[in-house]
C-alpha atoms as a PDB file:
ATOM      1  CA  UNK A   1      -0.051   0.092  -0.016  1.00  0.00           C
ATOM      2  CA  UNK A   2       2.937   2.014   0.576  1.00  0.00           C
ATOM      3  CA  UNK A   3       4.110   1.961  -2.807  1.00  0.00           C
ATOM      4  CA  UNK A   4       0.774   2.413  -4.071  1.00  0.00           C
ATOM      5  CA  UNK A   5       0.774   5.603  -2.413  1.00  0.00           C
ATOM      6  CA  UNK A   6       3.903   6.405  -4.097  1.00  0.00           C
ATOM      7  CA  UNK A   7       2.483   5.835  -7.724  1.00  0.00           C
ATOM      8  CA  UNK A   8      -0.764   8.035  -6.876  1.00  0.00           C
ATOM      9  CA  UNK A   9       1.326  10.855  -4.886  1.00  0.00           C
ATOM     10  CA  UNK A  10       3.497  10.948  -8.825  1.00  0.00           C
ATOM     11  CA  UNK A  11       1.026  10.497 -11.289  1.00  0.00           C
ATOM     12  CA  UNK A  12      -1.884  13.145  -9.776  1.00  0.00           C
ATOM     13  CA  UNK A  13       1.530  15.409  -9.105  1.00  0.00           C
ATOM     14  CA  UNK A  14       2.033  15.304 -13.031  1.00  0.00           C
ATOM     15  CA  UNK A  15      -1.264  15.285 -13.899  1.00  0.00           C
ATOM     16  CA  UNK A  16      -1.947  18.479 -11.895  1.00  0.00           C
ATOM     17  CA  UNK A  17       1.038  20.249 -13.552  1.00  0.00           C
ATOM     18  CA  UNK A  18      -1.486  19.925 -16.406  1.00  0.00           C
ATOM     19  CA  UNK A  19      -3.619  22.558 -15.761  1.00  0.00           C
ATOM     20  CA  UNK A  20      -3.649  26.032 -15.622  1.00  0.00           C
ATOM     21  CA  UNK A  21      -5.616  28.994 -14.844  1.00  0.00           C
ATOM     22  CA  UNK A  22      -6.841  30.125 -18.816  1.00  0.00           C
ATOM     23  CA  UNK A  23      -8.837  26.998 -18.737  1.00  0.00           C
ATOM     24  CA  UNK A  24     -10.196  26.838 -14.812  1.00  0.00           C
ATOM     25  CA  UNK A  25     -13.985  27.792 -15.977  1.00  0.00           C
ATOM     26  CA  UNK A  26     -14.367  26.151 -18.744  1.00  0.00           C
ATOM     27  CA  UNK A  27     -13.063  22.531 -16.347  1.00  0.00           C
ATOM     28  CA  UNK A  28     -15.316  23.810 -13.554  1.00  0.00           C
ATOM     29  CA  UNK A  29     -18.099  24.149 -15.852  1.00  0.00           C
ATOM     30  CA  UNK A  30     -17.594  20.701 -17.099  1.00  0.00           C
ATOM     31  CA  UNK A  31     -17.439  19.119 -13.866  1.00  0.00           C
ATOM     32  CA  UNK A  32     -20.804  20.729 -13.303  1.00  0.00           C
ATOM     33  CA  UNK A  33     -22.519  18.818 -16.616  1.00  0.00           C
ATOM     34  CA  UNK A  34     -21.489  15.650 -14.768  1.00  0.00           C
ATOM     35  CA  UNK A  35     -24.916  13.517 -15.528  1.00  0.00           C
ATOM     36  CA  UNK A  36     -24.940  11.974 -11.956  1.00  0.00           C
ATOM     37  CA  UNK A  37     -24.888  15.250  -9.315  1.00  0.00           C
ATOM     38  CA  UNK A  38     -28.402  14.975  -9.175  1.00  0.00           C
ATOM     39  CA  UNK A  39     -28.531  11.044  -7.388  1.00  0.00           C
ATOM     40  CA  UNK A  40     -25.309  12.965  -5.153  1.00  0.00           C
ATOM     41  CA  UNK A  41     -27.406  16.024  -3.841  1.00  0.00           C
ATOM     42  CA  UNK A  42     -30.690  14.223  -4.047  1.00  0.00           C
ATOM     43  CA  UNK A  43     -28.904  11.636  -1.204  1.00  0.00           C
ATOM     44  CA  UNK A  44     -26.920  15.014   0.364  1.00  0.00           C
ATOM     45  CA  UNK A  45     -30.059  16.597   0.899  1.00  0.00           C
ATOM     46  CA  UNK A  46     -29.861  20.261   1.066  1.00  0.00           C
ATOM     47  CA  UNK A  47     -26.252  21.414   1.369  1.00  0.00           C
ATOM     48  CA  UNK A  48     -25.956  24.833   3.095  1.00  0.00           C
ATOM     49  CA  UNK A  49     -23.568  25.425   5.932  1.00  0.00           C
ATOM     50  CA  UNK A  50     -23.555  21.895   6.112  1.00  0.00           C
ATOM     51  CA  UNK A  51     -19.747  20.969   6.545  1.00  0.00           C
ATOM     52  CA  UNK A  52     -18.616  18.534   3.847  1.00  0.00           C
ATOM     53  CA  UNK A  53     -15.626  16.466   3.666  1.00  0.00           C
ATOM     54  CA  UNK A  54     -14.076  15.929  -0.593  1.00  0.00           C
ATOM     55  CA  UNK A  55     -12.261  12.851   0.213  1.00  0.00           C
ATOM     56  CA  UNK A  56      -9.129  12.710  -2.798  1.00  0.00           C
ATOM     57  CA  UNK A  57     -10.690  16.327  -3.820  1.00  0.00           C
ATOM     58  CA  UNK A  58      -7.372  16.656  -6.574  1.00  0.00           C
ATOM     59  CA  UNK A  59      -7.537  20.284  -7.879  1.00  0.00           C
ATOM     60  CA  UNK A  60     -10.703  20.874  -5.904  1.00  0.00           C
ATOM     61  CA  UNK A  61     -13.451  21.166  -8.413  1.00  0.00           C
ATOM     62  CA  UNK A  62     -15.842  19.064  -6.713  1.00  0.00           C
ATOM     63  CA  UNK A  63     -15.414  21.214  -3.363  1.00  0.00           C
ATOM     64  CA  UNK A  64     -16.209  23.825  -5.830  1.00  0.00           C
ATOM     65  CA  UNK A  65     -19.588  23.095  -6.786  1.00  0.00           C
ATOM     66  CA  UNK A  66     -20.200  22.195  -3.004  1.00  0.00           C
ATOM     67  CA  UNK A  67     -19.322  25.605  -1.940  1.00  0.00           C
ATOM     68  CA  UNK A  68     -21.441  27.013  -4.519  1.00  0.00           C
ATOM     69  CA  UNK A  69     -24.251  25.314  -3.397  1.00  0.00           C
ATOM     70  CA  UNK A  70     -23.777  27.229   0.306  1.00  0.00           C
ATOM     71  CA  UNK A  71     -21.401  24.189   1.693  1.00  0.00           C
ATOM     72  CA  UNK A  72     -18.408  24.823   3.901  1.00  0.00           C
ATOM     73  CA  UNK A  73     -16.209  21.979   2.351  1.00  0.00           C
ATOM     74  CA  UNK A  74     -12.425  20.615   3.369  1.00  0.00           C
ATOM     75  CA  UNK A  75     -10.789  18.768   0.327  1.00  0.00           C
ATOM     76  CA  UNK A  76      -8.077  16.492   1.077  1.00  0.00           C
ATOM     77  CA  UNK A  77      -5.832  14.518  -1.483  1.00  0.00           C
ATOM     78  CA  UNK A  78      -2.301  13.080  -0.707  1.00  0.00           C
ATOM     79  CA  UNK A  79      -0.857  14.738  -4.150  1.00  0.00           C
ATOM     80  CA  UNK A  80       1.046  18.180  -2.771  1.00  0.00           C
ATOM     81  CA  UNK A  81       1.090  19.641  -6.305  1.00  0.00           C
ATOM     82  CA  UNK A  82      -2.765  18.654  -6.723  1.00  0.00           C
ATOM     83  CA  UNK A  83      -3.633  20.223  -3.095  1.00  0.00           C
ATOM     84  CA  UNK A  84      -1.436  23.741  -3.925  1.00  0.00           C
ATOM     85  CA  UNK A  85      -3.273  24.274  -7.357  1.00  0.00           C
ATOM     86  CA  UNK A  86      -6.827  23.594  -5.707  1.00  0.00           C
ATOM     87  CA  UNK A  87      -5.284  26.595  -3.157  1.00  0.00           C
ATOM     88  CA  UNK A  88      -4.518  28.738  -6.013  1.00  0.00           C
ATOM     89  CA  UNK A  89      -7.642  28.043  -7.690  1.00  0.00           C
ATOM     90  CA  UNK A  90      -9.368  29.054  -4.696  1.00  0.00           C
ATOM     91  CA  UNK A  91      -7.580  32.153  -3.965  1.00  0.00           C
ATOM     92  CA  UNK A  92      -8.357  33.515  -7.566  1.00  0.00           C
ATOM     93  CA  UNK A  93     -11.759  32.352  -8.161  1.00  0.00           C
ATOM     94  CA  UNK A  94     -13.176  33.835  -5.102  1.00  0.00           C
ATOM     95  CA  UNK A  95     -13.823  30.412  -3.096  1.00  0.00           C
ATOM     96  CA  UNK A  96     -11.759  31.170  -0.104  1.00  0.00           C
ATOM     97  CA  UNK A  97     -14.853  31.437   2.335  1.00  0.00           C
ATOM     98  CA  UNK A  98     -16.166  28.143   1.537  1.00  0.00           C
ATOM     99  CA  UNK A  99     -13.187  26.168   0.815  1.00  0.00           C
ATOM    100  CA  UNK A 100      -9.257  24.441   2.751  1.00  0.00           C
ATOM    101  CA  UNK A 101      -7.694  22.461   1.468  1.00  0.00           C
ATOM    102  CA  UNK A 102      -5.146  20.278   3.242  1.00  0.00           C
ATOM    103  CA  UNK A 103      -2.376  17.169   1.963  1.00  0.00           C
ATOM    104  CA  UNK A 104      -3.326  13.873   3.450  1.00  0.00           C
ATOM    105  CA  UNK A 105      -4.042  10.189   3.596  1.00  0.00           C
ATOM    106  CA  UNK A 106      -7.116   9.534   3.135  1.00  0.00           C
ATOM    107  CA  UNK A 107      -6.310   6.470   5.415  1.00  0.00           C
ATOM    108  CA  UNK A 108      -5.414   8.676   8.361  1.00  0.00           C
ATOM    109  CA  UNK A 109      -7.559  11.671   8.986  1.00  0.00           C
ATOM    110  CA  UNK A 110      -6.427  14.383  11.049  1.00  0.00           C
ATOM    111  CA  UNK A 111      -9.726  15.445  12.218  1.00  0.00           C
ATOM    112  CA  UNK A 112     -11.573  15.165  15.607  1.00  0.00           C
ATOM    113  CA  UNK A 113     -14.730  12.582  15.503  1.00  0.00           C
ATOM    114  CA  UNK A 114     -17.751  13.853  13.247  1.00  0.00           C
ATOM    115  CA  UNK A 115     -16.230  16.799  12.336  1.00  0.00           C
ATOM    116  CA  UNK A 116     -18.035  16.805   9.203  1.00  0.00           C
ATOM    117  CA  UNK A 117     -21.857  16.790   8.320  1.00  0.00           C
ATOM    118  CA  UNK A 118     -20.673  14.215   5.365  1.00  0.00           C
ATOM    119  CA  UNK A 119     -18.443  13.478   2.976  1.00  0.00           C
ATOM    120  CA  UNK A 120     -17.804  12.656  -1.147  1.00  0.00           C
ATOM    121  CA  UNK A 121     -15.769  10.584  -2.356  1.00  0.00           C
ATOM    122  CA  UNK A 122     -15.272  10.254  -6.228  1.00  0.00           C
ATOM    123  CA  UNK A 123     -13.171   7.297  -7.782  1.00  0.00           C
ATOM    124  CA  UNK A 124     -11.465   7.214  -4.322  1.00  0.00           C
ATOM    125  CA  UNK A 125     -11.774   3.927  -2.695  1.00  0.00           C
ATOM    126  CA  UNK A 126      -9.952   1.766  -5.275  1.00  0.00           C
ATOM    127  CA  UNK A 127      -6.833   3.512  -5.144  1.00  0.00           C
ATOM    128  CA  UNK A 128      -6.420   3.479  -1.074  1.00  0.00           C
ATOM    129  CA  UNK A 129      -7.080   0.569   1.438  1.00  0.00           C
ATOM    130  CA  UNK A 130     -11.038   0.686   1.116  1.00  0.00           C
ATOM    131  CA  UNK A 131     -11.595  -0.483   4.380  1.00  0.00           C
ATOM    132  CA  UNK A 132      -9.054   2.045   6.118  1.00  0.00           C
ATOM    133  CA  UNK A 133     -10.417   4.737   4.028  1.00  0.00           C
ATOM    134  CA  UNK A 134     -14.230   3.916   5.220  1.00  0.00           C
ATOM    135  CA  UNK A 135     -13.336   3.389   9.013  1.00  0.00           C
ATOM    136  CA  UNK A 136     -11.679   6.850   8.790  1.00  0.00           C
ATOM    137  CA  UNK A 137     -14.553   8.240   7.039  1.00  0.00           C
ATOM    138  CA  UNK A 138     -16.946   6.466   9.723  1.00  0.00           C
ATOM    139  CA  UNK A 139     -15.434   8.197  12.693  1.00  0.00           C
ATOM    140  CA  UNK A 140     -15.592  11.794  11.116  1.00  0.00           C
ATOM    141  CA  UNK A 141     -18.808  12.459   9.896  1.00  0.00           C
ATOM    142  CA  UNK A 142     -21.969  12.313  11.727  1.00  0.00           C
ATOM    143  CA  UNK A 143     -25.013  11.374   9.277  1.00  0.00           C
ATOM    144  CA  UNK A 144     -23.316   9.679   6.071  1.00  0.00           C
ATOM    145  CA  UNK A 145     -21.188   9.372   3.196  1.00  0.00           C
ATOM    146  CA  UNK A 146     -21.309   9.362  -0.278  1.00  0.00           C
ATOM    147  CA  UNK A 147     -18.795   7.076  -2.878  1.00  0.00           C
ATOM    148  CA  UNK A 148     -18.826   6.988  -6.437  1.00  0.00           C
ATOM    149  CA  UNK A 149     -16.701   4.029  -7.824  1.00  0.00           C
ATOM    150  CA  UNK A 150     -15.441   2.875 -11.140  1.00  0.00           C
ATOM    151  CA  UNK A 151     -17.073  -0.822 -11.664  1.00  0.00           C
ATOM    152  CA  UNK A 152     -14.224  -3.127 -13.127  1.00  0.00           C
ATOM    153  CA  UNK A 153     -17.409  -5.684 -15.452  1.00  0.00           C
ATOM    154  CA  UNK A 154     -18.215  -2.931 -18.351  1.00  0.00           C
ATOM    155  CA  UNK A 155     -17.020  -4.241 -21.252  1.00  0.00           C
ATOM    156  CA  UNK A 156     -16.868  -1.149 -23.544  1.00  0.00           C
ATOM    157  CA  UNK A 157     -14.750   0.997 -19.751  1.00  0.00           C
ATOM    158  CA  UNK A 158     -12.933  -2.199 -20.336  1.00  0.00           C
ATOM    159  CA  UNK A 159     -11.853  -1.231 -23.863  1.00  0.00           C
ATOM    160  CA  UNK A 160     -11.281   2.308 -23.080  1.00  0.00           C
ATOM    161  CA  UNK A 161      -8.951   1.281 -20.220  1.00  0.00           C
ATOM    162  CA  UNK A 162      -6.957  -1.267 -22.713  1.00  0.00           C
ATOM    163  CA  UNK A 163      -6.361   0.536 -25.732  1.00  0.00           C
ATOM    164  CA  UNK A 164      -7.543   4.458 -25.564  1.00  0.00           C
ATOM    165  CA  UNK A 165      -7.129   5.410 -21.690  1.00  0.00           C
ATOM    166  CA  UNK A 166      -4.187   2.955 -20.906  1.00  0.00           C
ATOM    167  CA  UNK A 167      -1.835   5.981 -19.835  1.00  0.00           C
ATOM    168  CA  UNK A 168      -4.214   7.956 -18.023  1.00  0.00           C
ATOM    169  CA  UNK A 169      -4.615   5.842 -14.965  1.00  0.00           C
ATOM    170  CA  UNK A 170      -2.157   4.837 -12.142  1.00  0.00           C
ATOM    171  CA  UNK A 171      -0.633   1.616 -12.945  1.00  0.00           C
ATOM    172  CA  UNK A 172      -1.749  -0.245  -9.585  1.00  0.00           C
ATOM    173  CA  UNK A 173      -5.588   1.320  -9.437  1.00  0.00           C
ATOM    174  CA  UNK A 174      -8.231  -1.772  -9.599  1.00  0.00           C
ATOM    175  CA  UNK A 175     -11.863  -1.021 -10.029  1.00  0.00           C
ATOM    176  CA  UNK A 176     -13.836  -2.735  -7.502  1.00  0.00           C
ATOM    177  CA  UNK A 177     -16.455  -5.730  -8.486  1.00  0.00           C
ATOM    178  CA  UNK A 178     -19.711  -4.597  -7.113  1.00  0.00           C
ATOM    179  CA  UNK A 179     -20.432  -6.956  -4.516  1.00  0.00           C
ATOM    180  CA  UNK A 180     -16.970  -6.882  -2.977  1.00  0.00           C
ATOM    181  CA  UNK A 181     -17.583  -2.774  -3.117  1.00  0.00           C
ATOM    182  CA  UNK A 182     -21.034  -3.290  -1.320  1.00  0.00           C
ATOM    183  CA  UNK A 183     -19.697  -5.961   1.215  1.00  0.00           C
ATOM    184  CA  UNK A 184     -16.328  -3.774   2.123  1.00  0.00           C
ATOM    185  CA  UNK A 185     -18.829  -1.248   2.756  1.00  0.00           C
ATOM    186  CA  UNK A 186     -21.229  -2.830   5.102  1.00  0.00           C
ATOM    187  CA  UNK A 187     -17.867  -4.140   6.979  1.00  0.00           C
ATOM    188  CA  UNK A 188     -17.396  -0.565   8.466  1.00  0.00           C
ATOM    189  CA  UNK A 189     -21.323   1.029   7.914  1.00  0.00           C
ATOM    190  CA  UNK A 190     -24.277  -0.180   9.269  1.00  0.00           C
ATOM    191  CA  UNK A 191     -26.969   0.852   6.690  1.00  0.00           C
ATOM    192  CA  UNK A 192     -25.246   1.150   2.912  1.00  0.00           C
ATOM    193  CA  UNK A 193     -27.285   1.658  -0.171  1.00  0.00           C
ATOM    194  CA  UNK A 194     -26.359   1.954  -3.920  1.00  0.00           C
ATOM    195  CA  UNK A 195     -27.412   2.851  -7.406  1.00  0.00           C
ATOM    196  CA  UNK A 196     -25.871   1.346 -10.583  1.00  0.00           C
ATOM    197  CA  UNK A 197     -25.273   3.754 -13.925  1.00  0.00           C
ATOM    198  CA  UNK A 198     -24.035   3.802 -17.114  1.00  0.00           C
ATOM    199  CA  UNK A 199     -24.402  -0.112 -19.064  1.00  0.00           C
ATOM    200  CA  UNK A 200     -24.549   0.647 -22.415  1.00  0.00           C
ATOM    201  CA  UNK A 201     -23.944   4.152 -22.653  1.00  0.00           C
ATOM    202  CA  UNK A 202     -19.814   4.037 -21.928  1.00  0.00           C
ATOM    203  CA  UNK A 203     -20.128   2.829 -25.767  1.00  0.00           C
ATOM    204  CA  UNK A 204     -20.407   6.307 -26.574  1.00  0.00           C
ATOM    205  CA  UNK A 205     -17.592   7.429 -24.839  1.00  0.00           C
ATOM    206  CA  UNK A 206     -15.568   4.733 -26.530  1.00  0.00           C
ATOM    207  CA  UNK A 207     -17.255   5.863 -30.307  1.00  0.00           C
ATOM    208  CA  UNK A 208     -16.664   9.429 -29.336  1.00  0.00           C
ATOM    209  CA  UNK A 209     -13.173   9.077 -29.367  1.00  0.00           C
ATOM    210  CA  UNK A 210     -13.132   7.116 -32.773  1.00  0.00           C
ATOM    211  CA  UNK A 211     -15.664   9.721 -34.387  1.00  0.00           C
ATOM    212  CA  UNK A 212     -14.156  12.856 -32.731  1.00  0.00           C
ATOM    213  CA  UNK A 213     -18.148  14.201 -32.590  1.00  0.00           C
ATOM    214  CA  UNK A 214     -19.797  15.403 -29.513  1.00  0.00           C
ATOM    215  CA  UNK A 215     -22.888  15.935 -31.254  1.00  0.00           C
ATOM    216  CA  UNK A 216     -23.396  12.496 -32.170  1.00  0.00           C
ATOM    217  CA  UNK A 217     -21.917  11.393 -28.535  1.00  0.00           C
ATOM    218  CA  UNK A 218     -24.520  13.090 -26.704  1.00  0.00           C
ATOM    219  CA  UNK A 219     -27.587  12.499 -28.728  1.00  0.00           C
ATOM    220  CA  UNK A 220     -26.078   8.368 -28.646  1.00  0.00           C
ATOM    221  CA  UNK A 221     -25.465   8.811 -24.973  1.00  0.00           C
ATOM    222  CA  UNK A 222     -28.509  10.514 -23.713  1.00  0.00           C
ATOM    223  CA  UNK A 223     -30.397   7.308 -25.986  1.00  0.00           C
ATOM    224  CA  UNK A 224     -28.395   4.327 -24.379  1.00  0.00           C
ATOM    225  CA  UNK A 225     -28.556   5.844 -20.367  1.00  0.00           C
ATOM    226  CA  UNK A 226     -32.763   5.381 -21.152  1.00  0.00           C
ATOM    227  CA  UNK A 227     -32.033   2.334 -22.036  1.00  0.00           C
ATOM    228  CA  UNK A 228     -29.707   1.716 -19.237  1.00  0.00           C
ATOM    229  CA  UNK A 229     -32.336   2.926 -16.572  1.00  0.00           C
ATOM    230  CA  UNK A 230     -34.926   0.004 -18.010  1.00  0.00           C
ATOM    231  CA  UNK A 231     -32.345  -2.419 -18.407  1.00  0.00           C
ATOM    232  CA  UNK A 232     -31.075  -2.455 -14.770  1.00  0.00           C
ATOM    233  CA  UNK A 233     -34.729  -1.929 -13.751  1.00  0.00           C
ATOM    234  CA  UNK A 234     -36.258  -5.153 -15.063  1.00  0.00           C
ATOM    235  CA  UNK A 235     -32.487  -7.052 -15.215  1.00  0.00           C
ATOM    236  CA  UNK A 236     -31.177  -6.292 -11.659  1.00  0.00           C
ATOM    237  CA  UNK A 237     -28.044  -9.050 -12.104  1.00  0.00           C
ATOM    238  CA  UNK A 238     -26.818  -6.415 -15.016  1.00  0.00           C
ATOM    239  CA  UNK A 239     -26.403  -4.007 -12.598  1.00  0.00           C
ATOM    240  CA  UNK A 240     -22.709  -6.031 -12.026  1.00  0.00           C
ATOM    241  CA  UNK A 241     -22.223  -4.547 -15.592  1.00  0.00           C
ATOM    242  CA  UNK A 242     -22.274  -0.982 -15.059  1.00  0.00           C
ATOM    243  CA  UNK A 243     -19.432   1.221 -14.860  1.00  0.00           C
ATOM    244  CA  UNK A 244     -20.631   3.543 -12.049  1.00  0.00           C
ATOM    245  CA  UNK A 245     -21.780   2.894  -8.787  1.00  0.00           C
ATOM    246  CA  UNK A 246     -22.794   5.154  -6.077  1.00  0.00           C
ATOM    247  CA  UNK A 247     -23.053   4.124  -2.584  1.00  0.00           C
ATOM    248  CA  UNK A 248     -24.960   5.864  -0.136  1.00  0.00           C
ATOM    249  CA  UNK A 249     -23.240   4.482   3.142  1.00  0.00           C
ATOM    250  CA  UNK A 250     -25.218   6.526   6.666  1.00  0.00           C
ATOM    251  CA  UNK A 251     -24.052   5.717  10.220  1.00  0.00           C
END
């Protein structure tokens, strides 16, 4: 795990260097368009004046979105260059009253018990010792945590991982199989709900990288997302093959 942590730090340090101020607003607006935000907001409830912990915050874009909805956000990440850049973004784009950022390991949090109303982690558990991270998160929150995790079995995503994005991920990351993700979460939290998304729709991402047409991608993605919803409701076993699981873990 120590070697894995060092690899992740180096990878995300290098990634942070690619981001600059000129494109900040475009990146933030792109992050706002993430289709699963309504699911996250519905499960977290009203965010105004809530204290939110953003686990593995990277450059802080999710933190800024929570802050723009009235939350006070603490973002943590293992990458010092990511944290440095998140602080610069925060100061230059007027989020400093509602965000703070710290370099910290998600498996060893330097916060008192129940410091936060809730926590959010996007694609963090499959990078770390998941059970340690969950135990620490359980300790520092008062109510619930939401984890958004990629799953291992979607064939379209796996094609993308193998052929198109093979250098855009850390060498040691290992997405969960759904049953393992839920089993690990339930060893720590007494109540765990979950939703799975994107069964056929990831094929549109693969298609976009080949044809490079956003218009065709958007139409295909919306149509396939509707089909995904019908299929997953009718045939629950297909959830194992979705790309994303949203885990809602409550104390």
